[in-house]
Protein backbone atom coordinates (compact mmCIF):
# COMPACT_ATOMS: atom_id res chain seq x y z
CA MET A 1 -15.03 -86.07 -10.63
CA VAL A 2 -16.68 -85.37 -7.28
CA GLU A 3 -16.89 -88.22 -4.78
CA ARG A 4 -20.17 -88.68 -2.93
CA ASN A 5 -20.19 -91.03 0.04
CA TYR A 6 -23.32 -92.55 1.60
CA PRO A 7 -22.24 -94.00 4.98
CA ALA A 8 -25.66 -95.43 5.84
CA LEU A 9 -25.52 -97.57 2.69
CA ARG A 10 -21.74 -97.98 2.43
CA GLU A 11 -21.91 -96.79 -1.14
CA THR A 12 -19.79 -94.35 -3.15
CA VAL A 13 -20.84 -92.53 -6.31
CA TRP A 14 -18.59 -90.37 -8.45
CA HIS A 15 -20.26 -87.56 -10.39
CA THR A 16 -19.27 -85.02 -13.00
CA VAL A 17 -20.87 -82.85 -15.68
CA LEU A 18 -19.00 -82.87 -18.98
CA PRO A 19 -18.54 -79.64 -20.97
CA ASN A 20 -21.29 -80.83 -23.35
CA GLY A 21 -23.77 -80.99 -20.45
CA LEU A 22 -23.84 -84.76 -19.96
CA ASN A 23 -24.12 -85.90 -16.34
CA VAL A 24 -22.02 -88.97 -15.51
CA TYR A 25 -22.55 -91.09 -12.37
CA VAL A 26 -20.33 -94.05 -11.45
CA ASN A 27 -21.16 -96.32 -8.51
CA THR A 28 -17.88 -98.06 -7.70
CA ARG A 29 -18.21 -101.70 -6.60
CA PRO A 30 -14.65 -103.17 -6.36
CA GLU A 31 -16.03 -106.44 -5.01
CA TYR A 32 -18.18 -107.09 -8.12
CA GLY A 33 -16.95 -109.17 -11.03
CA LYS A 34 -19.31 -107.62 -13.60
CA GLN A 35 -19.97 -104.12 -14.89
CA PHE A 36 -23.12 -102.32 -15.97
CA ALA A 37 -23.65 -99.16 -18.05
CA PHE A 38 -26.91 -97.28 -18.67
CA PHE A 39 -27.22 -94.39 -21.15
CA ALA A 40 -30.61 -92.67 -21.05
CA ALA A 41 -32.46 -89.76 -22.62
CA ARG A 42 -35.22 -87.80 -20.94
CA TYR A 43 -37.56 -88.66 -23.78
CA GLY A 44 -40.40 -91.16 -23.75
CA GLY A 45 -43.82 -92.10 -25.04
CA MET A 46 -45.51 -89.06 -23.53
CA ASP A 47 -43.27 -86.54 -25.35
CA LEU A 48 -45.44 -86.17 -28.42
CA ARG A 49 -45.33 -82.38 -28.78
CA PHE A 50 -42.22 -80.21 -28.68
CA ARG A 51 -40.86 -76.96 -30.01
CA GLY A 52 -38.78 -77.46 -33.15
CA GLU A 53 -35.58 -75.78 -34.25
CA ASP A 54 -37.57 -73.09 -36.07
CA GLY A 55 -39.51 -72.23 -32.90
CA GLU A 56 -42.75 -73.80 -34.10
CA TRP A 57 -44.55 -76.56 -32.19
CA VAL A 58 -44.10 -80.05 -33.65
CA ASP A 59 -46.72 -82.78 -33.16
CA THR A 60 -45.49 -86.34 -33.64
CA PRO A 61 -47.39 -89.65 -33.94
CA GLN A 62 -47.88 -91.88 -30.91
CA GLY A 63 -45.06 -94.39 -30.50
CA VAL A 64 -42.13 -92.43 -31.95
CA ALA A 65 -39.91 -92.73 -28.84
CA HIS A 66 -40.38 -96.51 -28.75
CA PHE A 67 -39.87 -96.78 -32.52
CA LEU A 68 -36.68 -94.73 -32.25
CA GLU A 69 -35.38 -97.04 -29.51
CA HIS A 70 -35.82 -100.02 -31.86
CA LYS A 71 -34.05 -98.30 -34.75
CA MET A 72 -31.10 -96.89 -32.81
CA PHE A 73 -29.32 -100.26 -32.87
CA ASP A 74 -29.04 -100.03 -36.67
CA THR A 75 -25.73 -98.58 -37.88
CA GLN A 76 -24.06 -98.29 -41.26
CA ASP A 77 -21.73 -101.10 -40.15
CA GLY A 78 -24.48 -103.49 -39.08
CA ASN A 79 -26.49 -104.10 -35.94
CA ALA A 80 -24.96 -102.82 -32.69
CA LEU A 81 -27.01 -105.26 -30.61
CA GLN A 82 -25.45 -108.23 -32.36
CA ARG A 83 -21.99 -106.71 -32.28
CA MET A 84 -22.09 -106.13 -28.52
CA ALA A 85 -23.49 -109.60 -27.87
CA ALA A 86 -20.58 -111.03 -29.85
CA GLN A 87 -18.23 -109.06 -27.58
CA GLY A 88 -19.50 -110.97 -24.55
CA VAL A 89 -22.04 -108.57 -23.01
CA ASP A 90 -25.82 -108.58 -22.71
CA PRO A 91 -27.23 -105.36 -24.28
CA ASN A 92 -30.82 -104.16 -24.40
CA ALA A 93 -33.04 -101.07 -24.23
CA TYR A 94 -36.48 -99.97 -23.09
CA THR A 95 -38.87 -97.02 -23.37
CA THR A 96 -41.15 -95.68 -20.65
CA PRO A 97 -43.57 -92.75 -20.92
CA SER A 98 -40.79 -90.37 -19.78
CA MET A 99 -37.43 -92.01 -20.56
CA THR A 100 -35.56 -94.15 -23.09
CA GLY A 101 -32.58 -96.13 -21.85
CA TYR A 102 -29.89 -98.28 -23.48
CA TYR A 103 -27.68 -100.57 -21.42
CA PHE A 104 -25.35 -103.53 -21.25
CA GLU A 105 -24.01 -105.88 -18.60
CA GLY A 106 -20.90 -108.01 -18.77
CA VAL A 107 -17.70 -109.22 -17.16
CA GLN A 108 -15.20 -108.21 -19.85
CA GLY A 109 -14.48 -105.55 -22.47
CA PHE A 110 -16.26 -102.79 -20.56
CA GLU A 111 -14.49 -99.84 -22.19
CA ASP A 112 -14.89 -101.13 -25.76
CA ASN A 113 -18.58 -101.85 -25.20
CA LEU A 114 -19.09 -98.46 -23.57
CA ARG A 115 -17.67 -96.81 -26.69
CA THR A 116 -20.04 -98.86 -28.84
CA LEU A 117 -23.03 -97.96 -26.67
CA LEU A 118 -22.29 -94.24 -26.70
CA SER A 119 -21.56 -94.27 -30.43
CA PHE A 120 -24.71 -95.92 -31.75
CA VAL A 121 -27.02 -94.00 -29.41
CA SER A 122 -25.53 -90.65 -30.39
CA GLN A 123 -25.08 -91.31 -34.14
CA PRO A 124 -28.42 -92.28 -35.73
CA TRP A 125 -28.68 -93.97 -39.10
CA PHE A 126 -32.07 -94.58 -40.70
CA THR A 127 -33.35 -95.35 -44.17
CA GLU A 128 -36.92 -95.33 -45.42
CA GLU A 129 -36.58 -99.03 -46.27
CA SER A 130 -35.48 -99.99 -42.73
CA VAL A 131 -38.23 -97.84 -41.22
CA ALA A 132 -40.86 -99.56 -43.36
CA LYS A 133 -39.55 -102.97 -42.29
CA GLU A 134 -39.65 -101.95 -38.61
CA GLN A 135 -43.24 -100.77 -38.96
CA GLY A 136 -44.21 -104.36 -39.69
CA ILE A 137 -42.22 -105.72 -36.75
CA ILE A 138 -43.55 -103.20 -34.24
CA GLY A 139 -47.05 -103.56 -35.68
CA GLN A 140 -46.98 -107.25 -34.72
CA GLU A 141 -45.75 -106.31 -31.23
CA ILE A 142 -48.62 -103.83 -30.85
CA ARG A 143 -51.21 -106.41 -31.91
CA MET A 144 -49.82 -108.87 -29.37
CA CYS A 145 -50.15 -106.24 -26.64
CA GLU A 146 -53.70 -105.44 -27.71
CA ASP A 147 -54.52 -109.13 -27.23
CA ASP A 148 -53.04 -109.09 -23.70
CA PRO A 149 -55.79 -108.42 -21.10
CA SER A 150 -53.26 -107.22 -18.48
CA HIS A 151 -51.99 -104.62 -20.96
CA GLU A 152 -55.45 -103.47 -21.97
CA VAL A 153 -56.84 -103.22 -18.44
CA TYR A 154 -54.03 -100.79 -17.53
CA TYR A 155 -54.48 -98.42 -20.48
CA GLN A 156 -58.24 -98.54 -20.07
CA LEU A 157 -57.66 -97.34 -16.50
CA MET A 158 -55.36 -94.51 -17.64
CA GLU A 159 -57.96 -93.37 -20.16
CA ALA A 160 -60.61 -93.40 -17.44
CA MET A 161 -58.46 -91.44 -14.98
CA TYR A 162 -56.84 -88.79 -17.18
CA ALA A 163 -58.49 -86.32 -19.52
CA ARG A 164 -55.50 -84.86 -21.34
CA HIS A 165 -52.23 -86.04 -19.81
CA PRO A 166 -50.30 -88.23 -22.30
CA VAL A 167 -49.93 -90.99 -19.70
CA ARG A 168 -53.12 -92.24 -21.33
CA VAL A 169 -51.20 -92.71 -24.60
CA ARG A 170 -49.72 -96.14 -25.35
CA VAL A 171 -45.92 -96.03 -25.36
CA ALA A 172 -45.69 -98.26 -28.46
CA GLY A 173 -48.43 -96.31 -30.23
CA THR A 174 -50.99 -97.93 -32.51
CA VAL A 175 -50.65 -99.68 -35.86
CA GLU A 176 -52.17 -96.57 -37.45
CA SER A 177 -49.90 -94.08 -35.65
CA ILE A 178 -46.61 -95.84 -36.40
CA ALA A 179 -47.57 -96.00 -40.07
CA GLN A 180 -47.07 -92.21 -40.10
CA ILE A 181 -43.45 -92.43 -38.88
CA THR A 182 -40.72 -91.71 -41.43
CA ALA A 183 -36.94 -91.56 -41.28
CA ASP A 184 -37.23 -87.76 -41.14
CA THR A 185 -39.52 -88.06 -38.10
CA LEU A 186 -36.90 -90.15 -36.29
CA TYR A 187 -34.04 -87.82 -37.16
CA GLN A 188 -36.06 -84.81 -36.00
CA CYS A 189 -36.90 -86.40 -32.64
CA HIS A 190 -33.32 -87.59 -32.16
CA ARG A 191 -32.02 -84.04 -32.74
CA ALA A 192 -34.62 -82.66 -30.33
CA PHE A 193 -34.03 -85.00 -27.37
CA TYR A 194 -30.85 -87.08 -27.76
CA ARG A 195 -28.62 -84.22 -26.70
CA PRO A 196 -25.92 -84.62 -24.01
CA GLY A 197 -27.58 -82.01 -21.80
CA ASN A 198 -30.80 -84.04 -21.88
CA MET A 199 -29.11 -87.39 -21.17
CA VAL A 200 -27.38 -89.19 -18.32
CA LEU A 201 -24.76 -91.93 -18.19
CA CYS A 202 -24.76 -94.21 -15.13
CA ALA A 203 -22.28 -97.05 -14.61
CA ALA A 204 -21.61 -99.47 -11.77
CA GLY A 205 -19.13 -102.18 -10.93
CA ASP A 206 -15.37 -102.57 -10.63
CA ILE A 207 -14.59 -99.68 -13.00
CA ASP A 208 -12.54 -96.47 -13.04
CA PRO A 209 -14.84 -93.41 -12.83
CA GLU A 210 -12.33 -91.17 -14.57
CA ARG A 211 -12.10 -93.55 -17.54
CA VAL A 212 -15.90 -93.62 -17.90
CA ALA A 213 -16.03 -89.82 -18.04
CA ALA A 214 -13.05 -89.65 -20.40
CA ILE A 215 -14.56 -92.12 -22.88
CA ALA A 216 -17.87 -90.24 -22.86
CA GLY A 217 -15.98 -87.00 -23.54
CA GLU A 218 -14.15 -88.59 -26.46
CA VAL A 219 -17.12 -90.27 -28.16
CA LEU A 220 -19.90 -87.73 -27.74
CA GLU A 221 -20.24 -84.32 -29.33
CA ARG A 222 -18.53 -81.56 -27.40
CA GLU A 223 -21.00 -78.77 -28.06
CA LYS A 224 -23.29 -78.07 -25.13
CA SER A 225 -27.02 -78.35 -25.88
CA SER A 226 -30.26 -79.04 -24.06
CA ALA A 227 -33.52 -80.67 -25.13
CA ALA A 228 -36.32 -79.08 -27.06
CA PRO A 229 -39.14 -77.86 -24.78
CA ALA A 230 -41.94 -80.44 -24.60
CA GLU A 231 -45.61 -80.01 -23.74
CA HIS A 232 -47.61 -82.62 -21.82
CA GLY A 233 -51.11 -81.21 -21.98
CA LYS A 234 -52.81 -78.48 -20.02
CA GLY A 235 -55.21 -78.24 -17.11
CA GLU A 236 -55.65 -81.84 -15.91
CA PRO A 237 -58.64 -81.93 -13.49
CA ALA A 238 -58.17 -83.32 -9.97
CA GLY A 239 -60.91 -85.92 -10.35
CA VAL A 240 -61.14 -88.83 -12.76
CA VAL A 241 -62.78 -88.58 -16.16
CA GLN A 242 -64.77 -91.81 -15.93
CA ARG A 243 -65.38 -93.86 -12.80
CA TYR A 244 -65.98 -97.17 -14.53
CA ALA A 245 -64.79 -98.68 -17.81
CA GLU A 246 -65.03 -102.23 -19.10
CA ARG A 247 -64.58 -104.34 -22.20
CA ALA A 248 -64.86 -108.03 -23.02
CA MET A 249 -61.87 -110.22 -23.83
CA PRO A 250 -61.15 -113.96 -23.68
CA VAL A 251 -60.48 -114.27 -19.93
CA SER A 252 -61.81 -116.94 -17.59
CA MET A 253 -62.40 -114.53 -14.70
CA PRO A 254 -62.84 -110.73 -14.65
CA LEU A 255 -59.53 -108.87 -14.54
CA PHE A 256 -59.52 -105.45 -12.91
CA GLU A 257 -57.38 -102.50 -11.94
CA LEU A 258 -58.59 -99.74 -9.66
CA GLY A 259 -56.79 -96.44 -9.46
CA PHE A 260 -56.70 -93.39 -7.24
CA LYS A 261 -55.67 -90.22 -9.04
CA GLY A 262 -53.12 -88.39 -6.91
CA SER A 263 -51.31 -85.08 -7.11
CA PRO A 264 -47.91 -84.63 -8.76
CA ALA A 265 -45.09 -84.21 -6.26
CA PRO A 266 -43.70 -80.69 -5.77
CA LYS A 267 -40.27 -80.14 -7.28
CA GLY A 268 -37.62 -81.88 -5.19
CA GLU A 269 -40.21 -83.92 -3.29
CA GLY A 270 -40.64 -86.81 -5.72
CA LEU A 271 -38.62 -89.37 -3.76
CA ARG A 272 -40.35 -88.52 -0.50
CA GLN A 273 -43.83 -88.72 -2.06
CA ARG A 274 -42.91 -92.02 -3.68
CA LEU A 275 -41.89 -93.55 -0.37
CA VAL A 276 -45.00 -92.25 1.41
CA ALA A 277 -47.26 -93.45 -1.42
CA GLU A 278 -45.67 -96.90 -1.52
CA LEU A 279 -46.18 -97.23 2.23
CA ALA A 280 -49.81 -96.13 1.81
CA CYS A 281 -50.18 -98.86 -0.84
CA ASP A 282 -48.83 -101.40 1.63
CA VAL A 283 -51.18 -100.18 4.38
CA LEU A 284 -54.18 -100.56 2.09
CA PHE A 285 -53.34 -103.46 -0.20
CA SER A 286 -50.40 -105.59 0.98
CA SER A 287 -50.87 -109.12 2.30
CA SER A 288 -50.03 -107.75 5.77
CA ALA A 289 -52.97 -105.35 5.67
CA PRO A 290 -56.33 -106.18 7.31
CA LEU A 291 -58.21 -105.42 4.08
CA TYR A 292 -56.26 -108.02 2.10
CA SER A 293 -57.11 -110.79 4.56
CA ARG A 294 -60.77 -109.83 4.57
CA LEU A 295 -61.07 -109.70 0.78
CA TYR A 296 -59.17 -112.97 0.40
CA GLU A 297 -61.28 -114.80 2.96
CA GLU A 298 -64.46 -113.61 1.24
CA GLY A 299 -63.18 -114.86 -2.12
CA LEU A 300 -63.14 -111.37 -3.65
CA ILE A 301 -59.43 -111.53 -4.56
CA ASN A 302 -56.82 -114.23 -5.05
CA GLY A 303 -53.04 -114.48 -5.17
CA SER A 304 -52.89 -112.32 -8.30
CA PHE A 305 -53.82 -109.19 -6.31
CA ASP A 306 -51.05 -106.60 -6.32
CA SER A 307 -50.54 -102.84 -6.02
CA SER A 308 -48.13 -100.09 -7.02
CA TYR A 309 -47.48 -96.37 -7.04
CA ASP A 310 -47.03 -94.83 -10.50
CA GLU A 311 -45.53 -91.40 -11.11
CA LEU A 312 -44.60 -89.39 -14.16
CA PRO A 313 -44.00 -85.69 -14.79
CA GLY A 314 -47.35 -84.08 -14.11
CA CYS A 315 -49.19 -87.09 -12.66
CA ALA A 316 -49.19 -89.66 -9.86
CA CYS A 317 -51.56 -92.46 -8.84
CA LEU A 318 -52.08 -95.55 -6.68
CA ILE A 319 -53.07 -98.72 -8.55
CA ALA A 320 -54.25 -102.13 -7.34
CA GLY A 321 -55.69 -105.06 -9.22
CA GLY A 322 -55.86 -108.70 -10.10
CA GLU A 323 -58.65 -111.20 -10.70
CA SER A 324 -62.04 -110.97 -9.02
CA ARG A 325 -65.56 -112.21 -9.62
CA ASP A 326 -66.86 -108.88 -8.26
CA PRO A 327 -64.45 -105.97 -8.97
CA LYS A 328 -67.04 -103.34 -8.03
CA ARG A 329 -67.38 -104.87 -4.58
CA VAL A 330 -63.58 -104.80 -4.20
CA LEU A 331 -63.53 -101.06 -4.97
CA ASP A 332 -66.38 -100.46 -2.50
CA GLU A 333 -64.45 -102.30 0.24
CA VAL A 334 -61.26 -100.37 -0.56
CA LEU A 335 -63.11 -97.06 -0.28
CA LYS A 336 -64.60 -98.12 3.05
CA GLU A 337 -61.19 -99.12 4.39
CA ALA A 338 -59.63 -95.86 3.19
CA ALA A 339 -62.38 -93.90 4.94
CA ARG A 340 -61.80 -95.89 8.13
CA LEU A 341 -58.04 -95.25 8.03
CA ALA A 342 -58.65 -91.55 7.42
CA ARG A 343 -61.01 -91.50 10.39
CA GLU A 344 -59.24 -93.79 12.88
CA GLY A 345 -55.64 -93.62 11.69
CA ILE A 346 -53.15 -96.34 10.75
CA ASP A 347 -52.25 -98.94 13.33
CA PRO A 348 -48.83 -97.80 14.68
CA GLU A 349 -47.42 -101.33 14.89
CA LEU A 350 -48.47 -102.12 11.30
CA TRP A 351 -46.96 -98.83 10.06
CA GLU A 352 -43.59 -99.46 11.68
CA ARG A 353 -43.47 -103.05 10.44
CA LEU A 354 -44.26 -102.02 6.87
CA LYS A 355 -41.79 -99.16 7.03
CA ARG A 356 -38.96 -101.46 8.14
CA ALA A 357 -39.84 -103.96 5.42
CA ALA A 358 -39.91 -101.27 2.71
CA TYR A 359 -36.56 -99.87 3.81
CA GLY A 360 -35.00 -103.34 3.83
CA SER A 361 -36.33 -104.03 0.35
CA MET A 362 -34.76 -100.85 -1.03
CA VAL A 363 -31.41 -101.67 0.57
CA ARG A 364 -31.47 -105.17 -0.92
CA ARG A 365 -32.18 -103.75 -4.37
CA LEU A 366 -28.79 -102.05 -4.25
CA ASN A 367 -27.27 -105.50 -4.75
CA SER A 368 -28.47 -105.22 -8.35
CA LEU A 369 -26.22 -103.05 -10.53
CA ASP A 370 -28.96 -102.49 -13.08
CA ASP A 371 -31.56 -101.42 -10.50
CA THR A 372 -29.05 -99.01 -8.97
CA CYS A 373 -28.21 -97.41 -12.32
CA PHE A 374 -31.86 -97.17 -13.36
CA GLU A 375 -32.75 -95.45 -10.08
CA LEU A 376 -29.79 -93.06 -10.28
CA ALA A 377 -30.83 -92.05 -13.79
CA GLN A 378 -34.50 -91.54 -12.96
CA ALA A 379 -33.63 -89.56 -9.83
CA HIS A 380 -31.27 -87.36 -11.86
CA PHE A 381 -34.07 -86.51 -14.31
CA ASP A 382 -36.29 -85.73 -11.32
CA GLY A 383 -33.62 -83.45 -9.83
CA GLU A 384 -33.01 -85.67 -6.80
CA ASP A 385 -30.42 -88.01 -5.27
CA TYR A 386 -31.79 -91.54 -4.98
CA LEU A 387 -29.21 -92.74 -2.46
CA THR A 388 -30.48 -90.28 0.15
CA PHE A 389 -33.49 -92.53 0.71
CA PRO A 390 -32.34 -93.57 4.24
CA GLN A 391 -32.62 -89.96 5.43
CA VAL A 392 -35.94 -89.53 3.61
CA PHE A 393 -37.30 -92.64 5.32
CA GLN A 394 -36.36 -91.20 8.70
CA SER A 395 -38.38 -88.05 7.96
CA ILE A 396 -41.59 -89.91 7.10
CA GLU A 397 -44.24 -90.12 9.82
CA ARG A 398 -47.42 -92.14 10.11
CA ALA A 399 -49.39 -88.91 9.66
CA ASP A 400 -47.90 -88.56 6.17
CA GLY A 401 -49.42 -91.87 5.10
CA GLU A 402 -52.75 -91.03 6.71
CA ARG A 403 -52.82 -87.66 4.95
CA LEU A 404 -52.15 -89.20 1.53
CA ILE A 405 -54.86 -91.83 2.00
CA ARG A 406 -57.33 -89.18 3.19
CA GLU A 407 -56.63 -86.84 0.24
CA TRP A 408 -56.23 -89.37 -2.58
CA CYS A 409 -58.40 -92.39 -1.75
CA ALA A 410 -61.82 -90.83 -2.24
CA GLY A 411 -64.69 -91.59 -4.58
CA ASP A 412 -64.16 -88.68 -6.97
CA ARG A 413 -60.51 -89.70 -7.44
CA ALA A 414 -61.26 -93.41 -7.99
CA ALA A 415 -61.65 -95.24 -11.29
CA LEU A 416 -62.23 -98.91 -11.98
CA SER A 417 -61.14 -100.70 -15.17
CA VAL A 418 -62.51 -104.21 -15.83
CA ILE A 419 -61.82 -106.80 -18.51
CA ARG A 420 -64.76 -109.20 -18.34
CA PRO A 421 -65.14 -112.64 -19.99
CA LEU A 422 -66.67 -112.65 -23.46
CA ASP A 423 -69.71 -114.51 -22.16
């Protein structure tokens, strides 16, 4: 394995690519008493269309990636989730629009649990009876989400912002879409995307990097293979599809999310754009920003107000939201503040203070083994090295934040999603 040292962070990561194409990253932490492993596939809720083994395009129902994540814990010998929990570790999994990850954390039995993790993720076992049972379970989960205003306000925003990109598709699908999923559907998608060359294994803690790579080489198939080509829609316009969308739900005060539709980062520039965009979010929306104080004092927002930068292959956006009695007025004030910043520039003292705070927050997150592994995996799929963020921070100037606000935070790129009270 190749040793990579990051002096600015005092971190070491060992990396290798196995003959089957699997990338393995191990962040050694001798001072830690627990270990963490994360095994992920570059396959998520947005990967609905791909080229099959016969060369023909395959269209799958919404929610297959999430459904597959649920079913992967089933094995011929029982449930892997229960087996690992009985072995003293805490296992789980999640699905995003672009990735599915399986992981565990514990203080003992790391190698045995790593073998279990790699085995059940790479060796699917489904029956039509178990799929039918899961459809009922996931159907209940979907209905609960559809009754959650914070869930609905987000997807309403995505549908308003994007015309064709599958970011507008719900990761869990719909009750109707998951009813179309069969065992054959799951096997087909597993063969297409759960290939070593389309996956990454990240581990952290007081562990031997060579042993991690050796176990992965023993358990997983040795034939090299890559994922099936996927399609994520064509020709997304720069502007939003719909500037305003609303629906009524049982809420006591209007809930809103406003979004600015950005531009996808050029290849190799994802980490830098993320850091610039997150700083731009702080300049506009954080509690340290002048706009926040003004909106709060006028009673237009409350403590629920928050913001984020979202990015996926082929799309990127700034989002802010919370509760407000007048969401349209909030958007108007945000647009005015963005225009002022584009015209007058960002206050240098505010920029430097926010930049220092953002850097410190990222350094502190390295104390979490799971956050570190998640970030290493996502950066790998993006073709970048997450732990180079100190150097990237140094390259970012105030003009970069001003440019992003000027280009993204304009009326034709803005959409507002509102969940209003039933009355």
